PDB file of N, CA and C in Angstrom:
ATOM      1  N   UNK A   1      30.495  13.945  45.685  1.00  0.00           N
ATOM      2  CA  UNK A   1      29.475  12.882  45.003  1.00  0.00           C
ATOM      3  C   UNK A   1      27.996  13.259  44.707  1.00  0.00           C
ATOM      4  N   UNK A   2      27.735  14.250  45.163  1.00  0.00           N
ATOM      5  CA  UNK A   2      26.032  14.846  44.868  1.00  0.00           C
ATOM      6  C   UNK A   2      26.584  15.333  43.532  1.00  0.00           C
ATOM      7  N   UNK A   3      27.472  15.638  43.193  1.00  0.00           N
ATOM      8  CA  UNK A   3      27.733  16.165  41.595  1.00  0.00           C
ATOM      9  C   UNK A   3      27.777  15.137  40.631  1.00  0.00           C
ATOM     10  N   UNK A   4      28.285  13.975  41.155  1.00  0.00           N
ATOM     11  CA  UNK A   4      28.331  12.993  39.989  1.00  0.00           C
ATOM     12  C   UNK A   4      27.109  12.465  39.913  1.00  0.00           C
ATOM     13  N   UNK A   5      26.020  12.326  40.811  1.00  0.00           N
ATOM     14  CA  UNK A   5      24.569  11.714  40.990  1.00  0.00           C
ATOM     15  C   UNK A   5      23.936  12.694  40.419  1.00  0.00           C
ATOM     16  N   UNK A   6      23.995  13.819  40.269  1.00  0.00           N
ATOM     17  CA  UNK A   6      23.157  14.661  39.563  1.00  0.00           C
ATOM     18  C   UNK A   6      23.552  14.730  38.199  1.00  0.00           C
ATOM     19  N   UNK A   7      25.030  14.632  37.743  1.00  0.00           N
ATOM     20  CA  UNK A   7      25.266  14.612  36.153  1.00  0.00           C
ATOM     21  C   UNK A   7      24.482  13.222  35.966  1.00  0.00           C
ATOM     22  N   UNK A   8      24.732  12.112  36.641  1.00  0.00           N
ATOM     23  CA  UNK A   8      24.439  10.836  36.244  1.00  0.00           C
ATOM     24  C   UNK A   8      22.789  11.105  35.892  1.00  0.00           C
ATOM     25  N   UNK A   9      21.956  11.286  36.870  1.00  0.00           N
ATOM     26  CA  UNK A   9      20.660  11.392  37.012  1.00  0.00           C
ATOM     27  C   UNK A   9      20.250  12.341  35.403  1.00  0.00           C
ATOM     28  N   UNK A  10      21.091  13.442  35.238  1.00  0.00           N
ATOM     29  CA  UNK A  10      20.816  14.265  34.426  1.00  0.00           C
ATOM     30  C   UNK A  10      20.912  13.343  32.643  1.00  0.00           C
ATOM     31  N   UNK A  11      22.087  12.971  32.543  1.00  0.00           N
ATOM     32  CA  UNK A  11      22.317  11.857  31.694  1.00  0.00           C
ATOM     33  C   UNK A  11      21.137  11.037  31.512  1.00  0.00           C
ATOM     34  N   UNK A  12      20.963  10.216  32.370  1.00  0.00           N
ATOM     35  CA  UNK A  12      19.861   9.013  32.472  1.00  0.00           C
ATOM     36  C   UNK A  12      18.404   9.793  32.085  1.00  0.00           C
ATOM     37  N   UNK A  13      18.145  10.929  32.441  1.00  0.00           N
ATOM     38  CA  UNK A  13      17.092  11.408  32.081  1.00  0.00           C
ATOM     39  C   UNK A  13      16.552  11.891  30.334  1.00  0.00           C
ATOM     40  N   UNK A  14      18.218  12.291  30.037  1.00  0.00           N
ATOM     41  CA  UNK A  14      18.420  12.756  28.844  1.00  0.00           C
ATOM     42  C   UNK A  14      18.043  11.784  27.937  1.00  0.00           C
ATOM     43  N   UNK A  15      18.434  10.531  28.249  1.00  0.00           N
ATOM     44  CA  UNK A  15      18.535   9.355  27.533  1.00  0.00           C
ATOM     45  C   UNK A  15      17.173   8.616  27.780  1.00  0.00           C
ATOM     46  N   UNK A  16      16.216   8.770  28.640  1.00  0.00           N
ATOM     47  CA  UNK A  16      15.132   8.635  28.763  1.00  0.00           C
ATOM     48  C   UNK A  16      14.334   9.242  27.847  1.00  0.00           C
ATOM     49  N   UNK A  17      14.194  10.701  27.762  1.00  0.00           N
ATOM     50  CA  UNK A  17      13.812  11.473  27.303  1.00  0.00           C
ATOM     51  C   UNK A  17      14.099  11.003  25.384  1.00  0.00           C
ATOM     52  N   UNK A  18      14.946  10.629  25.112  1.00  0.00           N
ATOM     53  CA  UNK A  18      15.318  10.646  23.741  1.00  0.00           C
ATOM     54  C   UNK A  18      14.997   9.364  23.030  1.00  0.00           C
ATOM     55  N   UNK A  19      14.771   8.154  24.097  1.00  0.00           N
ATOM     56  CA  UNK A  19      14.256   7.217  23.913  1.00  0.00           C
ATOM     57  C   UNK A  19      12.791   6.637  24.028  1.00  0.00           C
ATOM     58  N   UNK A  20      12.076   8.015  24.541  1.00  0.00           N
ATOM     59  CA  UNK A  20      10.741   7.972  24.597  1.00  0.00           C
ATOM     60  C   UNK A  20      10.059   8.566  23.110  1.00  0.00           C
ATOM     61  N   UNK A  21      11.298   9.556  22.625  1.00  0.00           N
ATOM     62  CA  UNK A  21      11.190  10.491  21.298  1.00  0.00           C
ATOM     63  C   UNK A  21      11.152   9.311  20.287  1.00  0.00           C
ATOM     64  N   UNK A  22      12.324   8.311  20.226  1.00  0.00           N
ATOM     65  CA  UNK A  22      12.417   7.430  19.538  1.00  0.00           C
ATOM     66  C   UNK A  22      11.645   6.747  19.154  1.00  0.00           C
ATOM     67  N   UNK A  23      10.807   6.324  20.795  1.00  0.00           N
ATOM     68  CA  UNK A  23       9.486   5.435  20.805  1.00  0.00           C
ATOM     69  C   UNK A  23       8.316   5.883  19.719  1.00  0.00           C
ATOM     70  N   UNK A  24       8.072   7.266  20.690  1.00  0.00           N
ATOM     71  CA  UNK A  24       6.985   7.583  19.734  1.00  0.00           C
ATOM     72  C   UNK A  24       7.300   7.779  17.964  1.00  0.00           C
ATOM     73  N   UNK A  25       8.543   8.047  17.882  1.00  0.00           N
ATOM     74  CA  UNK A  25       8.409   8.145  16.205  1.00  0.00           C
ATOM     75  C   UNK A  25       8.412   6.707  15.934  1.00  0.00           C
ATOM     76  N   UNK A  26       9.064   5.716  16.229  1.00  0.00           N
ATOM     77  CA  UNK A  26       8.536   4.322  15.468  1.00  0.00           C
ATOM     78  C   UNK A  26       7.274   4.111  15.714  1.00  0.00           C
ATOM     79  N   UNK A  27       6.427   4.440  17.104  1.00  0.00           N
ATOM     80  CA  UNK A  27       4.836   3.986  17.141  1.00  0.00           C
ATOM     81  C   UNK A  27       4.264   4.915  16.118  1.00  0.00           C
ATOM     82  N   UNK A  28       4.747   6.167  15.579  1.00  0.00           N
ATOM     83  CA  UNK A  28       4.176   6.735  14.458  1.00  0.00           C
ATOM     84  C   UNK A  28       4.399   6.283  13.318  1.00  0.00           C
ATOM     85  N   UNK A  29       5.784   5.541  12.699  1.00  0.00           N
ATOM     86  CA  UNK A  29       5.923   4.861  11.394  1.00  0.00           C
ATOM     87  C   UNK A  29       5.385   3.996  11.594  1.00  0.00           C
ATOM     88  N   UNK A  30       5.201   2.799  12.558  1.00  0.00           N
ATOM     89  CA  UNK A  30       4.405   1.511  12.446  1.00  0.00           C
ATOM     90  C   UNK A  30       3.117   1.612  12.158  1.00  0.00           C
ATOM     91  N   UNK A  31       2.652   2.742  12.490  1.00  0.00           N
ATOM     92  CA  UNK A  31       1.074   3.201  12.196  1.00  0.00           C
ATOM     93  C   UNK A  31       0.915   3.534  10.944  1.00  0.00           C
ATOM     94  N   UNK A  32       1.899   4.512  10.733  1.00  0.00           N
ATOM     95  CA  UNK A  32       1.499   4.886   9.417  1.00  0.00           C
ATOM     96  C   UNK A  32       1.941   3.422   8.234  1.00  0.00           C
ATOM     97  N   UNK A  33       2.501   2.718   8.592  1.00  0.00           N
ATOM     98  CA  UNK A  33       3.089   1.435   7.774  1.00  0.00           C
ATOM     99  C   UNK A  33       1.598   0.588   7.608  1.00  0.00           C
ATOM    100  N   UNK A  34       1.322   0.663   9.169  1.00  0.00           N
ATOM    101  CA  UNK A  34      -0.276  -0.601   9.386  1.00  0.00           C
ATOM    102  C   UNK A  34      -1.463   0.400   8.765  1.00  0.00           C
ATOM    103  N   UNK A  35      -1.730   1.489   8.771  1.00  0.00           N
ATOM    104  CA  UNK A  35      -2.512   2.248   7.864  1.00  0.00           C
ATOM    105  C   UNK A  35      -2.538   2.097   6.405  1.00  0.00           C
ATOM    106  N   UNK A  36      -1.117   2.143   5.868  1.00  0.00           N
ATOM    107  CA  UNK A  36      -0.827   2.051   4.569  1.00  0.00           C
ATOM    108  C   UNK A  36      -0.790   0.283   3.891  1.00  0.00           C
ATOM    109  N   UNK A  37      -1.031  -0.290   4.865  1.00  0.00           N
ATOM    110  CA  UNK A  37      -1.048  -1.615   4.284  1.00  0.00           C
ATOM    111  C   UNK A  37      -2.471  -2.054   4.715  1.00  0.00           C
ATOM    112  N   UNK A  38      -3.284  -1.717   5.379  1.00  0.00           N
ATOM    113  CA  UNK A  38      -4.616  -1.412   5.788  1.00  0.00           C
ATOM    114  C   UNK A  38      -5.435  -1.166   4.172  1.00  0.00           C
ATOM    115  N   UNK A  39      -5.072   0.443   3.763  1.00  0.00           N
ATOM    116  CA  UNK A  39      -5.592   0.728   2.518  1.00  0.00           C
ATOM    117  C   UNK A  39      -5.130   0.199   1.611  1.00  0.00           C
ATOM    118  N   UNK A  40      -3.901  -0.338   1.257  1.00  0.00           N
ATOM    119  CA  UNK A  40      -3.525  -0.936   0.021  1.00  0.00           C
ATOM    120  C   UNK A  40      -4.070  -1.966  -0.063  1.00  0.00           C
ATOM    121  N   UNK A  41      -4.197  -3.365   0.710  1.00  0.00           N
ATOM    122  CA  UNK A  41      -5.272  -4.319   1.049  1.00  0.00           C
ATOM    123  C   UNK A  41      -6.327  -3.680   0.322  1.00  0.00           C
ATOM    124  N   UNK A  42      -7.314  -3.189   1.042  1.00  0.00           N
ATOM    125  CA  UNK A  42      -8.222  -2.780   0.338  1.00  0.00           C
ATOM    126  C   UNK A  42      -8.583  -2.533  -0.553  1.00  0.00           C
ATOM    127  N   UNK A  43      -7.637  -1.823  -0.995  1.00  0.00           N
ATOM    128  CA  UNK A  43      -7.518  -1.277  -2.869  1.00  0.00           C
ATOM    129  C   UNK A  43      -7.092  -2.678  -3.632  1.00  0.00           C
ATOM    130  N   UNK A  44      -6.218  -3.701  -3.143  1.00  0.00           N
ATOM    131  CA  UNK A  44      -6.306  -5.024  -3.798  1.00  0.00           C
ATOM    132  C   UNK A  44      -7.758  -5.570  -3.898  1.00  0.00           C
ATOM    133  N   UNK A  45      -8.200  -5.598  -2.492  1.00  0.00           N
ATOM    134  CA  UNK A  45      -9.490  -6.039  -2.613  1.00  0.00           C
ATOM    135  C   UNK A  45     -10.646  -5.484  -3.504  1.00  0.00           C
ATOM    136  N   UNK A  46     -10.454  -4.355  -3.503  1.00  0.00           N
ATOM    137  CA  UNK A  46     -11.577  -3.481  -4.300  1.00  0.00           C
ATOM    138  C   UNK A  46     -11.326  -4.033  -5.991  1.00  0.00           C
ATOM    139  N   UNK A  47     -10.114  -4.263  -6.675  1.00  0.00           N
ATOM    140  CA  UNK A  47      -9.905  -4.746  -7.341  1.00  0.00           C
ATOM    141  C   UNK A  47     -10.128  -5.753  -8.371  1.00  0.00           C
ATOM    142  N   UNK A  48     -10.003  -6.837  -7.234  1.00  0.00           N
ATOM    143  CA  UNK A  48     -10.699  -7.871  -7.314  1.00  0.00           C
ATOM    144  C   UNK A  48     -11.896  -8.092  -7.430  1.00  0.00           C
ATOM    145  N   UNK A  49     -12.830  -7.353  -6.556  1.00  0.00           N
ATOM    146  CA  UNK A  49     -14.155  -7.199  -6.645  1.00  0.00           C
ATOM    147  C   UNK A  49     -14.599  -6.250  -8.051  1.00  0.00           C
ATOM    148  N   UNK A  50     -13.840  -5.607  -8.337  1.00  0.00           N
ATOM    149  CA  UNK A  50     -14.294  -4.722  -9.558  1.00  0.00           C
ATOM    150  C   UNK A  50     -14.320  -5.518 -10.916  1.00  0.00           C
ATOM    151  N   UNK A  51     -13.022  -6.351 -11.198  1.00  0.00           N
ATOM    152  CA  UNK A  51     -12.788  -7.416 -11.799  1.00  0.00           C
ATOM    153  C   UNK A  51     -14.138  -8.531 -12.312  1.00  0.00           C
ATOM    154  N   UNK A  52     -14.586  -8.871 -11.143  1.00  0.00           N
ATOM    155  CA  UNK A  52     -15.936 -10.021 -11.167  1.00  0.00           C
ATOM    156  C   UNK A  52     -17.140  -8.807 -11.560  1.00  0.00           C
ATOM    157  N   UNK A  53     -17.178  -7.962 -11.047  1.00  0.00           N
ATOM    158  CA  UNK A  53     -18.512  -7.080 -11.570  1.00  0.00           C
ATOM    159  C   UNK A  53     -18.337  -6.609 -12.858  1.00  0.00           C
ATOM    160  N   UNK A  54     -17.081  -6.212 -13.464  1.00  0.00           N
ATOM    161  CA  UNK A  54     -16.985  -6.038 -14.510  1.00  0.00           C
ATOM    162  C   UNK A  54     -17.641  -7.281 -15.849  1.00  0.00           C
ATOM    163  N   UNK A  55     -17.468  -8.883 -15.273  1.00  0.00           N
ATOM    164  CA  UNK A  55     -18.130  -9.865 -16.093  1.00  0.00           C
ATOM    165  C   UNK A  55     -19.722 -10.037 -16.176  1.00  0.00           C
ATOM    166  N   UNK A  56     -20.143  -9.109 -15.225  1.00  0.00           N
ATOM    167  CA  UNK A  56     -21.792  -9.532 -15.044  1.00  0.00           C
ATOM    168  C   UNK A  56     -22.661  -8.857 -15.902  1.00  0.00           C
ATOM    169  N   UNK A  57     -23.780  -9.117 -16.520  1.00  0.00           N
ATOM    170  CA  UNK A  57     -24.582  -8.543 -17.603  1.00  0.00           C
ATOM    171  C   UNK A  57     -25.201  -7.383 -17.099  1.00  0.00           C
ATOM    172  N   UNK A  58     -24.997  -6.224 -17.870  1.00  0.00           N
ATOM    173  CA  UNK A  58     -25.293  -4.842 -17.401  1.00  0.00           C
ATOM    174  C   UNK A  58     -24.503  -4.228 -16.982  1.00  0.00           C
ATOM    175  N   UNK A  59     -23.215  -4.710 -16.738  1.00  0.00           N
ATOM    176  CA  UNK A  59     -21.949  -4.058 -16.030  1.00  0.00           C
ATOM    177  C   UNK A  59     -21.332  -3.106 -17.067  1.00  0.00           C
ATOM    178  N   UNK A  60     -20.898  -2.273 -16.967  1.00  0.00           N
ATOM    179  CA  UNK A  60     -19.946  -1.628 -18.297  1.00  0.00           C
ATOM    180  C   UNK A  60     -18.703  -1.938 -17.655  1.00  0.00           C
ATOM    181  N   UNK A  61     -18.397  -2.834 -18.506  1.00  0.00           N
ATOM    182  CA  UNK A  61     -17.133  -4.007 -18.526  1.00  0.00           C
ATOM    183  C   UNK A  61     -15.747  -2.818 -18.504  1.00  0.00           C
ATOM    184  N   UNK A  62     -15.694  -1.876 -19.230  1.00  0.00           N
ATOM    185  CA  UNK A  62     -14.260  -1.165 -19.571  1.00  0.00           C
ATOM    186  C   UNK A  62     -14.422  -0.492 -18.538  1.00  0.00           C
ATOM    187  N   UNK A  63     -15.550   0.454 -17.781  1.00  0.00           N
ATOM    188  CA  UNK A  63     -15.437   1.120 -16.680  1.00  0.00           C
ATOM    189  C   UNK A  63     -14.807   0.456 -15.605  1.00  0.00           C
ATOM    190  N   UNK A  64     -15.455  -0.643 -15.617  1.00  0.00           N
ATOM    191  CA  UNK A  64     -15.291  -1.383 -14.103  1.00  0.00           C
ATOM    192  C   UNK A  64     -13.686  -1.843 -14.340  1.00  0.00           C
ATOM    193  N   UNK A  65     -13.376  -2.151 -15.351  1.00  0.00           N
ATOM    194  CA  UNK A  65     -11.988  -2.535 -15.924  1.00  0.00           C
ATOM    195  C   UNK A  65     -10.679  -1.579 -15.737  1.00  0.00           C
ATOM    196  N   UNK A  66     -11.334  -0.472 -15.792  1.00  0.00           N
ATOM    197  CA  UNK A  66     -10.340   0.948 -15.323  1.00  0.00           C
ATOM    198  C   UNK A  66     -10.523   1.086 -13.851  1.00  0.00           C
ATOM    199  N   UNK A  67     -11.337   1.076 -13.179  1.00  0.00           N
ATOM    200  CA  UNK A  67     -11.469   1.451 -11.866  1.00  0.00           C
ATOM    201  C   UNK A  67     -10.369   0.110 -11.349  1.00  0.00           C
ATOM    202  N   UNK A  68     -10.759  -1.110 -11.589  1.00  0.00           N
ATOM    203  CA  UNK A  68      -9.909  -2.062 -11.037  1.00  0.00           C
ATOM    204  C   UNK A  68      -8.396  -1.777 -11.439  1.00  0.00           C
ATOM    205  N   UNK A  69      -7.966  -1.617 -12.467  1.00  0.00           N
ATOM    206  CA  UNK A  69      -6.842  -1.377 -12.907  1.00  0.00           C
ATOM    207  C   UNK A  69      -5.911  -0.155 -11.691  1.00  0.00           C
ATOM    208  N   UNK A  70      -6.899   0.673 -11.493  1.00  0.00           N
ATOM    209  CA  UNK A  70      -6.300   1.893 -10.618  1.00  0.00           C
ATOM    210  C   UNK A  70      -6.183   1.628  -9.398  1.00  0.00           C
ATOM    211  N   UNK A  71      -7.099   0.821  -9.179  1.00  0.00           N
ATOM    212  CA  UNK A  71      -6.726   0.018  -7.766  1.00  0.00           C
ATOM    213  C   UNK A  71      -5.902  -0.570  -7.378  1.00  0.00           C
ATOM    214  N   UNK A  72      -5.960  -1.951  -8.428  1.00  0.00           N
ATOM    215  CA  UNK A  72      -4.580  -2.778  -8.259  1.00  0.00           C
ATOM    216  C   UNK A  72      -3.395  -2.444  -8.223  1.00  0.00           C
ATOM    217  N   UNK A  73      -3.163  -1.280  -9.104  1.00  0.00           N
ATOM    218  CA  UNK A  73      -1.841  -0.615  -9.463  1.00  0.00           C
ATOM    219  C   UNK A  73      -1.571   0.573  -8.061  1.00  0.00           C
ATOM    220  N   UNK A  74      -2.592   1.130  -7.453  1.00  0.00           N
ATOM    221  CA  UNK A  74      -2.123   1.750  -6.528  1.00  0.00           C
ATOM    222  C   UNK A  74      -1.796   0.991  -5.159  1.00  0.00           C
ATOM    223  N   UNK A  75      -2.493  -0.175  -5.182  1.00  0.00           N
ATOM    224  CA  UNK A  75      -1.864  -1.193  -4.073  1.00  0.00           C
ATOM    225  C   UNK A  75      -0.626  -1.531  -4.358  1.00  0.00           C
ATOM    226  N   UNK A  76      -0.130  -2.221  -5.499  1.00  0.00           N
ATOM    227  CA  UNK A  76       0.942  -2.626  -5.855  1.00  0.00           C
ATOM    228  C   UNK A  76       1.937  -1.838  -5.470  1.00  0.00           C
ATOM    229  N   UNK A  77       1.830  -0.581  -5.816  1.00  0.00           N
ATOM    230  CA  UNK A  77       2.601   0.555  -5.833  1.00  0.00           C
ATOM    231  C   UNK A  77       3.264   0.925  -3.844  1.00  0.00           C
ATOM    232  N   UNK A  78       1.871   0.869  -3.335  1.00  0.00           N
ATOM    233  CA  UNK A  78       1.823   0.841  -1.812  1.00  0.00           C
ATOM    234  C   UNK A  78       2.711  -0.551  -1.196  1.00  0.00           C
ATOM    235  N   UNK A  79       2.393  -1.458  -1.738  1.00  0.00           N
ATOM    236  CA  UNK A  79       3.101  -2.292  -1.014  1.00  0.00           C
ATOM    237  C   UNK A  79       4.344  -2.563  -1.186  1.00  0.00           C
ATOM    238  N   UNK A  80       4.763  -2.220  -2.400  1.00  0.00           N
ATOM    239  CA  UNK A  80       6.332  -1.819  -2.950  1.00  0.00           C
ATOM    240  C   UNK A  80       6.959  -0.632  -2.141  1.00  0.00           C
ATOM    241  N   UNK A  81       6.104   0.408  -2.302  1.00  0.00           N
ATOM    242  CA  UNK A  81       6.735   1.252  -1.171  1.00  0.00           C
ATOM    243  C   UNK A  81       7.284   0.720   0.127  1.00  0.00           C
ATOM    244  N   UNK A  82       6.229   0.297   1.066  1.00  0.00           N
ATOM    245  CA  UNK A  82       6.231  -0.024   2.020  1.00  0.00           C
ATOM    246  C   UNK A  82       6.935  -1.287   2.387  1.00  0.00           C
ATOM    247  N   UNK A  83       7.491  -2.263   1.388  1.00  0.00           N
ATOM    248  CA  UNK A  83       8.321  -3.374   1.355  1.00  0.00           C
ATOM    249  C   UNK A  83       7.601  -4.667   2.060  1.00  0.00           C
ATOM    250  N   UNK A  84       6.255  -4.737   1.614  1.00  0.00           N
ATOM    251  CA  UNK A  84       5.678  -5.569   2.126  1.00  0.00           C
ATOM    252  C   UNK A  84       5.025  -6.596   1.054  1.00  0.00           C
ATOM    253  N   UNK A  85       6.283  -7.499   0.965  1.00  0.00           N
ATOM    254  CA  UNK A  85       6.731  -8.367   0.071  1.00  0.00           C
ATOM    255  C   UNK A  85       5.349  -9.436   0.002  1.00  0.00           C
ATOM    256  N   UNK A  86       4.976 -10.312   0.920  1.00  0.00           N
ATOM    257  CA  UNK A  86       4.134 -11.255   0.749  1.00  0.00           C
ATOM    258  C   UNK A  86       2.659 -10.399   0.012  1.00  0.00           C
ATOM    259  N   UNK A  87       2.460  -9.176   0.692  1.00  0.00           N
ATOM    260  CA  UNK A  87       1.227  -8.778   0.121  1.00  0.00           C
ATOM    261  C   UNK A  87       1.196  -8.177  -1.620  1.00  0.00           C
ATOM    262  N   UNK A  88       2.805  -7.837  -1.557  1.00  0.00           N
ATOM    263  CA  UNK A  88       2.949  -7.331  -3.179  1.00  0.00           C
ATOM    264  C   UNK A  88       3.033  -8.240  -4.209  1.00  0.00           C
ATOM    265  N   UNK A  89       3.516  -9.870  -3.819  1.00  0.00           N
ATOM    266  CA  UNK A  89       2.718 -10.736  -4.512  1.00  0.00           C
ATOM    267  C   UNK A  89       1.405 -11.314  -4.845  1.00  0.00           C
ATOM    268  N   UNK A  90       0.623 -10.638  -3.895  1.00  0.00           N
ATOM    269  CA  UNK A  90      -0.777 -11.020  -3.906  1.00  0.00           C
ATOM    270  C   UNK A  90      -1.206  -9.840  -5.152  1.00  0.00           C
ATOM    271  N   UNK A  91      -0.583  -8.477  -4.902  1.00  0.00           N
ATOM    272  CA  UNK A  91      -1.185  -7.714  -5.575  1.00  0.00           C
ATOM    273  C   UNK A  91      -0.658  -8.084  -7.281  1.00  0.00           C
ATOM    274  N   UNK A  92       0.371  -8.267  -7.309  1.00  0.00           N
ATOM    275  CA  UNK A  92       0.750  -8.488  -8.813  1.00  0.00           C
ATOM    276  C   UNK A  92       0.196  -9.572  -9.171  1.00  0.00           C
ATOM    277  N   UNK A  93      -0.144 -10.831  -8.221  1.00  0.00           N
ATOM    278  CA  UNK A  93      -1.121 -11.519  -9.224  1.00  0.00           C
ATOM    279  C   UNK A  93      -2.654 -11.249  -9.136  1.00  0.00           C
ATOM    280  N   UNK A  94      -2.928 -10.380  -8.758  1.00  0.00           N
ATOM    281  CA  UNK A  94      -4.350  -9.557  -8.548  1.00  0.00           C
ATOM    282  C   UNK A  94      -3.984  -8.772 -10.056  1.00  0.00           C
ATOM    283  N   UNK A  95      -2.880  -8.330 -10.255  1.00  0.00           N
ATOM    284  CA  UNK A  95      -3.069  -7.455 -11.518  1.00  0.00           C
ATOM    285  C   UNK A  95      -2.762  -8.096 -12.707  1.00  0.00           C
ATOM    286  N   UNK A  96      -1.901  -9.339 -12.640  1.00  0.00           N
ATOM    287  CA  UNK A  96      -1.764 -10.274 -13.774  1.00  0.00           C
ATOM    288  C   UNK A  96      -3.367 -11.026 -14.139  1.00  0.00           C
ATOM    289  N   UNK A  97      -4.392 -10.914 -12.975  1.00  0.00           N
ATOM    290  CA  UNK A  97      -5.355 -11.795 -13.199  1.00  0.00           C
ATOM    291  C   UNK A  97      -6.183 -10.614 -14.360  1.00  0.00           C
ATOM    292  N   UNK A  98      -6.154  -9.127 -13.807  1.00  0.00           N
ATOM    293  CA  UNK A  98      -6.786  -8.018 -14.461  1.00  0.00           C
ATOM    294  C   UNK A  98      -6.370  -8.224 -15.544  1.00  0.00           C
ATOM    295  N   UNK A  99      -5.219  -8.365 -15.605  1.00  0.00           N
ATOM    296  CA  UNK A  99      -4.605  -8.162 -17.206  1.00  0.00           C
ATOM    297  C   UNK A  99      -5.193  -9.411 -18.364  1.00  0.00           C
ATOM    298  N   UNK A 100      -5.221 -10.367 -17.730  1.00  0.00           N
ATOM    299  CA  UNK A 100      -6.184 -11.457 -18.610  1.00  0.00           C
ATOM    300  C   UNK A 100      -7.393 -11.134 -18.749  1.00  0.00           C
ATOM    301  N   UNK A 101      -8.184 -10.807 -17.985  1.00  0.00           N
ATOM    302  CA  UNK A 101      -9.690 -10.472 -17.770  1.00  0.00           C
ATOM    303  C   UNK A 101      -9.687  -9.401 -18.787  1.00  0.00           C
ATOM    304  N   UNK A 102      -8.455  -8.124 -18.988  1.00  0.00           N
ATOM    305  CA  UNK A 102      -8.858  -6.800 -19.892  1.00  0.00           C
ATOM    306  C   UNK A 102      -8.303  -7.478 -21.457  1.00  0.00           C
ATOM    307  N   UNK A 103      -7.794  -8.884 -21.603  1.00  0.00           N
ATOM    308  CA  UNK A 103      -7.516  -9.309 -22.654  1.00  0.00           C
ATOM    309  C   UNK A 103      -6.613  -8.180 -23.744  1.00  0.00           C
ATOM    310  N   UNK A 104      -7.271  -8.160 -25.009  1.00  0.00           N
ATOM    311  CA  UNK A 104      -6.494  -7.493 -25.786  1.00  0.00           C
ATOM    312  C   UNK A 104      -6.820  -5.814 -25.951  1.00  0.00           C
ATOM    313  N   UNK A 105      -8.030  -5.774 -24.603  1.00  0.00           N
ATOM    314  CA  UNK A 105      -8.237  -3.928 -24.211  1.00  0.00           C
ATOM    315  C   UNK A 105      -7.276  -3.674 -23.203  1.00  0.00           C
ATOM    316  N   UNK A 106      -6.423  -4.287 -22.627  1.00  0.00           N
ATOM    317  CA  UNK A 106      -5.655  -3.879 -21.705  1.00  0.00           C
ATOM    318  C   UNK A 106      -4.770  -2.875 -22.188  1.00  0.00           C
ATOM    319  N   UNK A 107      -3.961  -2.457 -22.998  1.00  0.00           N
ATOM    320  CA  UNK A 107      -3.169  -1.692 -23.202  1.00  0.00           C
ATOM    321  C   UNK A 107      -3.836  -0.036 -23.295  1.00  0.00           C
ATOM    322  N   UNK A 108      -5.387  -0.250 -23.824  1.00  0.00           N
ATOM    323  CA  UNK A 108      -6.302   0.959 -24.093  1.00  0.00           C
ATOM    324  C   UNK A 108      -6.775   1.070 -22.762  1.00  0.00           C
ATOM    325  N   UNK A 109      -7.093  -0.050 -22.007  1.00  0.00           N
ATOM    326  CA  UNK A 109      -7.861   0.960 -20.991  1.00  0.00           C
ATOM    327  C   UNK A 109      -6.911   0.977 -19.786  1.00  0.00           C
ATOM    328  N   UNK A 110      -5.405   0.495 -19.644  1.00  0.00           N
ATOM    329  CA  UNK A 110      -4.492   0.876 -18.980  1.00  0.00           C
ATOM    330  C   UNK A 110      -4.066   2.474 -19.314  1.00  0.00           C
ATOM    331  N   UNK A 111      -3.940   2.866 -20.545  1.00  0.00           N
ATOM    332  CA  UNK A 111      -3.827   4.150 -20.837  1.00  0.00           C
ATOM    333  C   UNK A 111      -4.804   5.110 -20.652  1.00  0.00           C
ATOM    334  N   UNK A 112      -6.404   4.533 -20.919  1.00  0.00           N
ATOM    335  CA  UNK A 112      -7.276   5.163 -20.223  1.00  0.00           C
ATOM    336  C   UNK A 112      -7.676   5.485 -18.916  1.00  0.00           C
ATOM    337  N   UNK A 113      -6.663   4.606 -18.338  1.00  0.00           N
ATOM    338  CA  UNK A 113      -6.778   4.858 -16.515  1.00  0.00           C
ATOM    339  C   UNK A 113      -5.955   5.851 -16.235  1.00  0.00           C
ATOM    340  N   UNK A 114      -4.897   6.086 -17.064  1.00  0.00           N
ATOM    341  CA  UNK A 114      -4.024   7.338 -16.439  1.00  0.00           C
ATOM    342  C   UNK A 114      -2.657   6.985 -15.882  1.00  0.00           C
ATOM    343  N   UNK A 115      -2.730   5.578 -16.172  1.00  0.00           N
ATOM    344  CA  UNK A 115      -1.773   5.060 -15.091  1.00  0.00           C
ATOM    345  C   UNK A 115      -0.603   4.956 -15.875  1.00  0.00           C
ATOM    346  N   UNK A 116      -0.049   5.755 -16.974  1.00  0.00           N
ATOM    347  CA  UNK A 116       1.533   5.909 -17.220  1.00  0.00           C
ATOM    348  C   UNK A 116       1.901   4.370 -17.689  1.00  0.00           C
ATOM    349  N   UNK A 117       3.178   4.014 -17.586  1.00  0.00           N
ATOM    350  CA  UNK A 117       3.733   2.330 -18.235  1.00  0.00           C
ATOM    351  C   UNK A 117       3.242   1.594 -17.420  1.00  0.00           C
ATOM    352  N   UNK A 118       2.860   0.472 -18.026  1.00  0.00           N
ATOM    353  CA  UNK A 118       2.251  -0.707 -17.196  1.00  0.00           C
ATOM    354  C   UNK A 118       3.301  -1.052 -16.268  1.00  0.00           C
ATOM    355  N   UNK A 119       2.850  -1.296 -15.006  1.00  0.00           N
ATOM    356  CA  UNK A 119       3.641  -1.891 -13.985  1.00  0.00           C
ATOM    357  C   UNK A 119       3.720  -3.458 -14.531  1.00  0.00           C
ATOM    358  N   UNK A 120       5.340  -3.917 -14.198  1.00  0.00           N
ATOM    359  CA  UNK A 120       5.586  -5.210 -14.138  1.00  0.00           C
ATOM    360  C   UNK A 120       4.868  -6.377 -13.475  1.00  0.00           C
TER     361      UNK A 120
END
């Protein structure tokens, strides 16, 4: 009977250790997702702020809009990568607003920002 209990104890201990490793992995994954979401949200807010700054007198409109496009594009990519659907929609809206703010300069500003093909 002692053999069965020892084997059972060993199995339970192994499962517990595996569970702890899984929990640690899950916590790390959750932390990474949380940090990415915070960073992407900050970039999205930065894009909105830079768009507003671009319209102020004395500001370098094109430079601010390029910075805003970079921030907005990065936010959208991260929201999409981490499948944050709600925030992805917000990011796309900010990017759409930026596109309107850029007007006919959008294509050249996007290209100058080095962002490749425009995001949808």
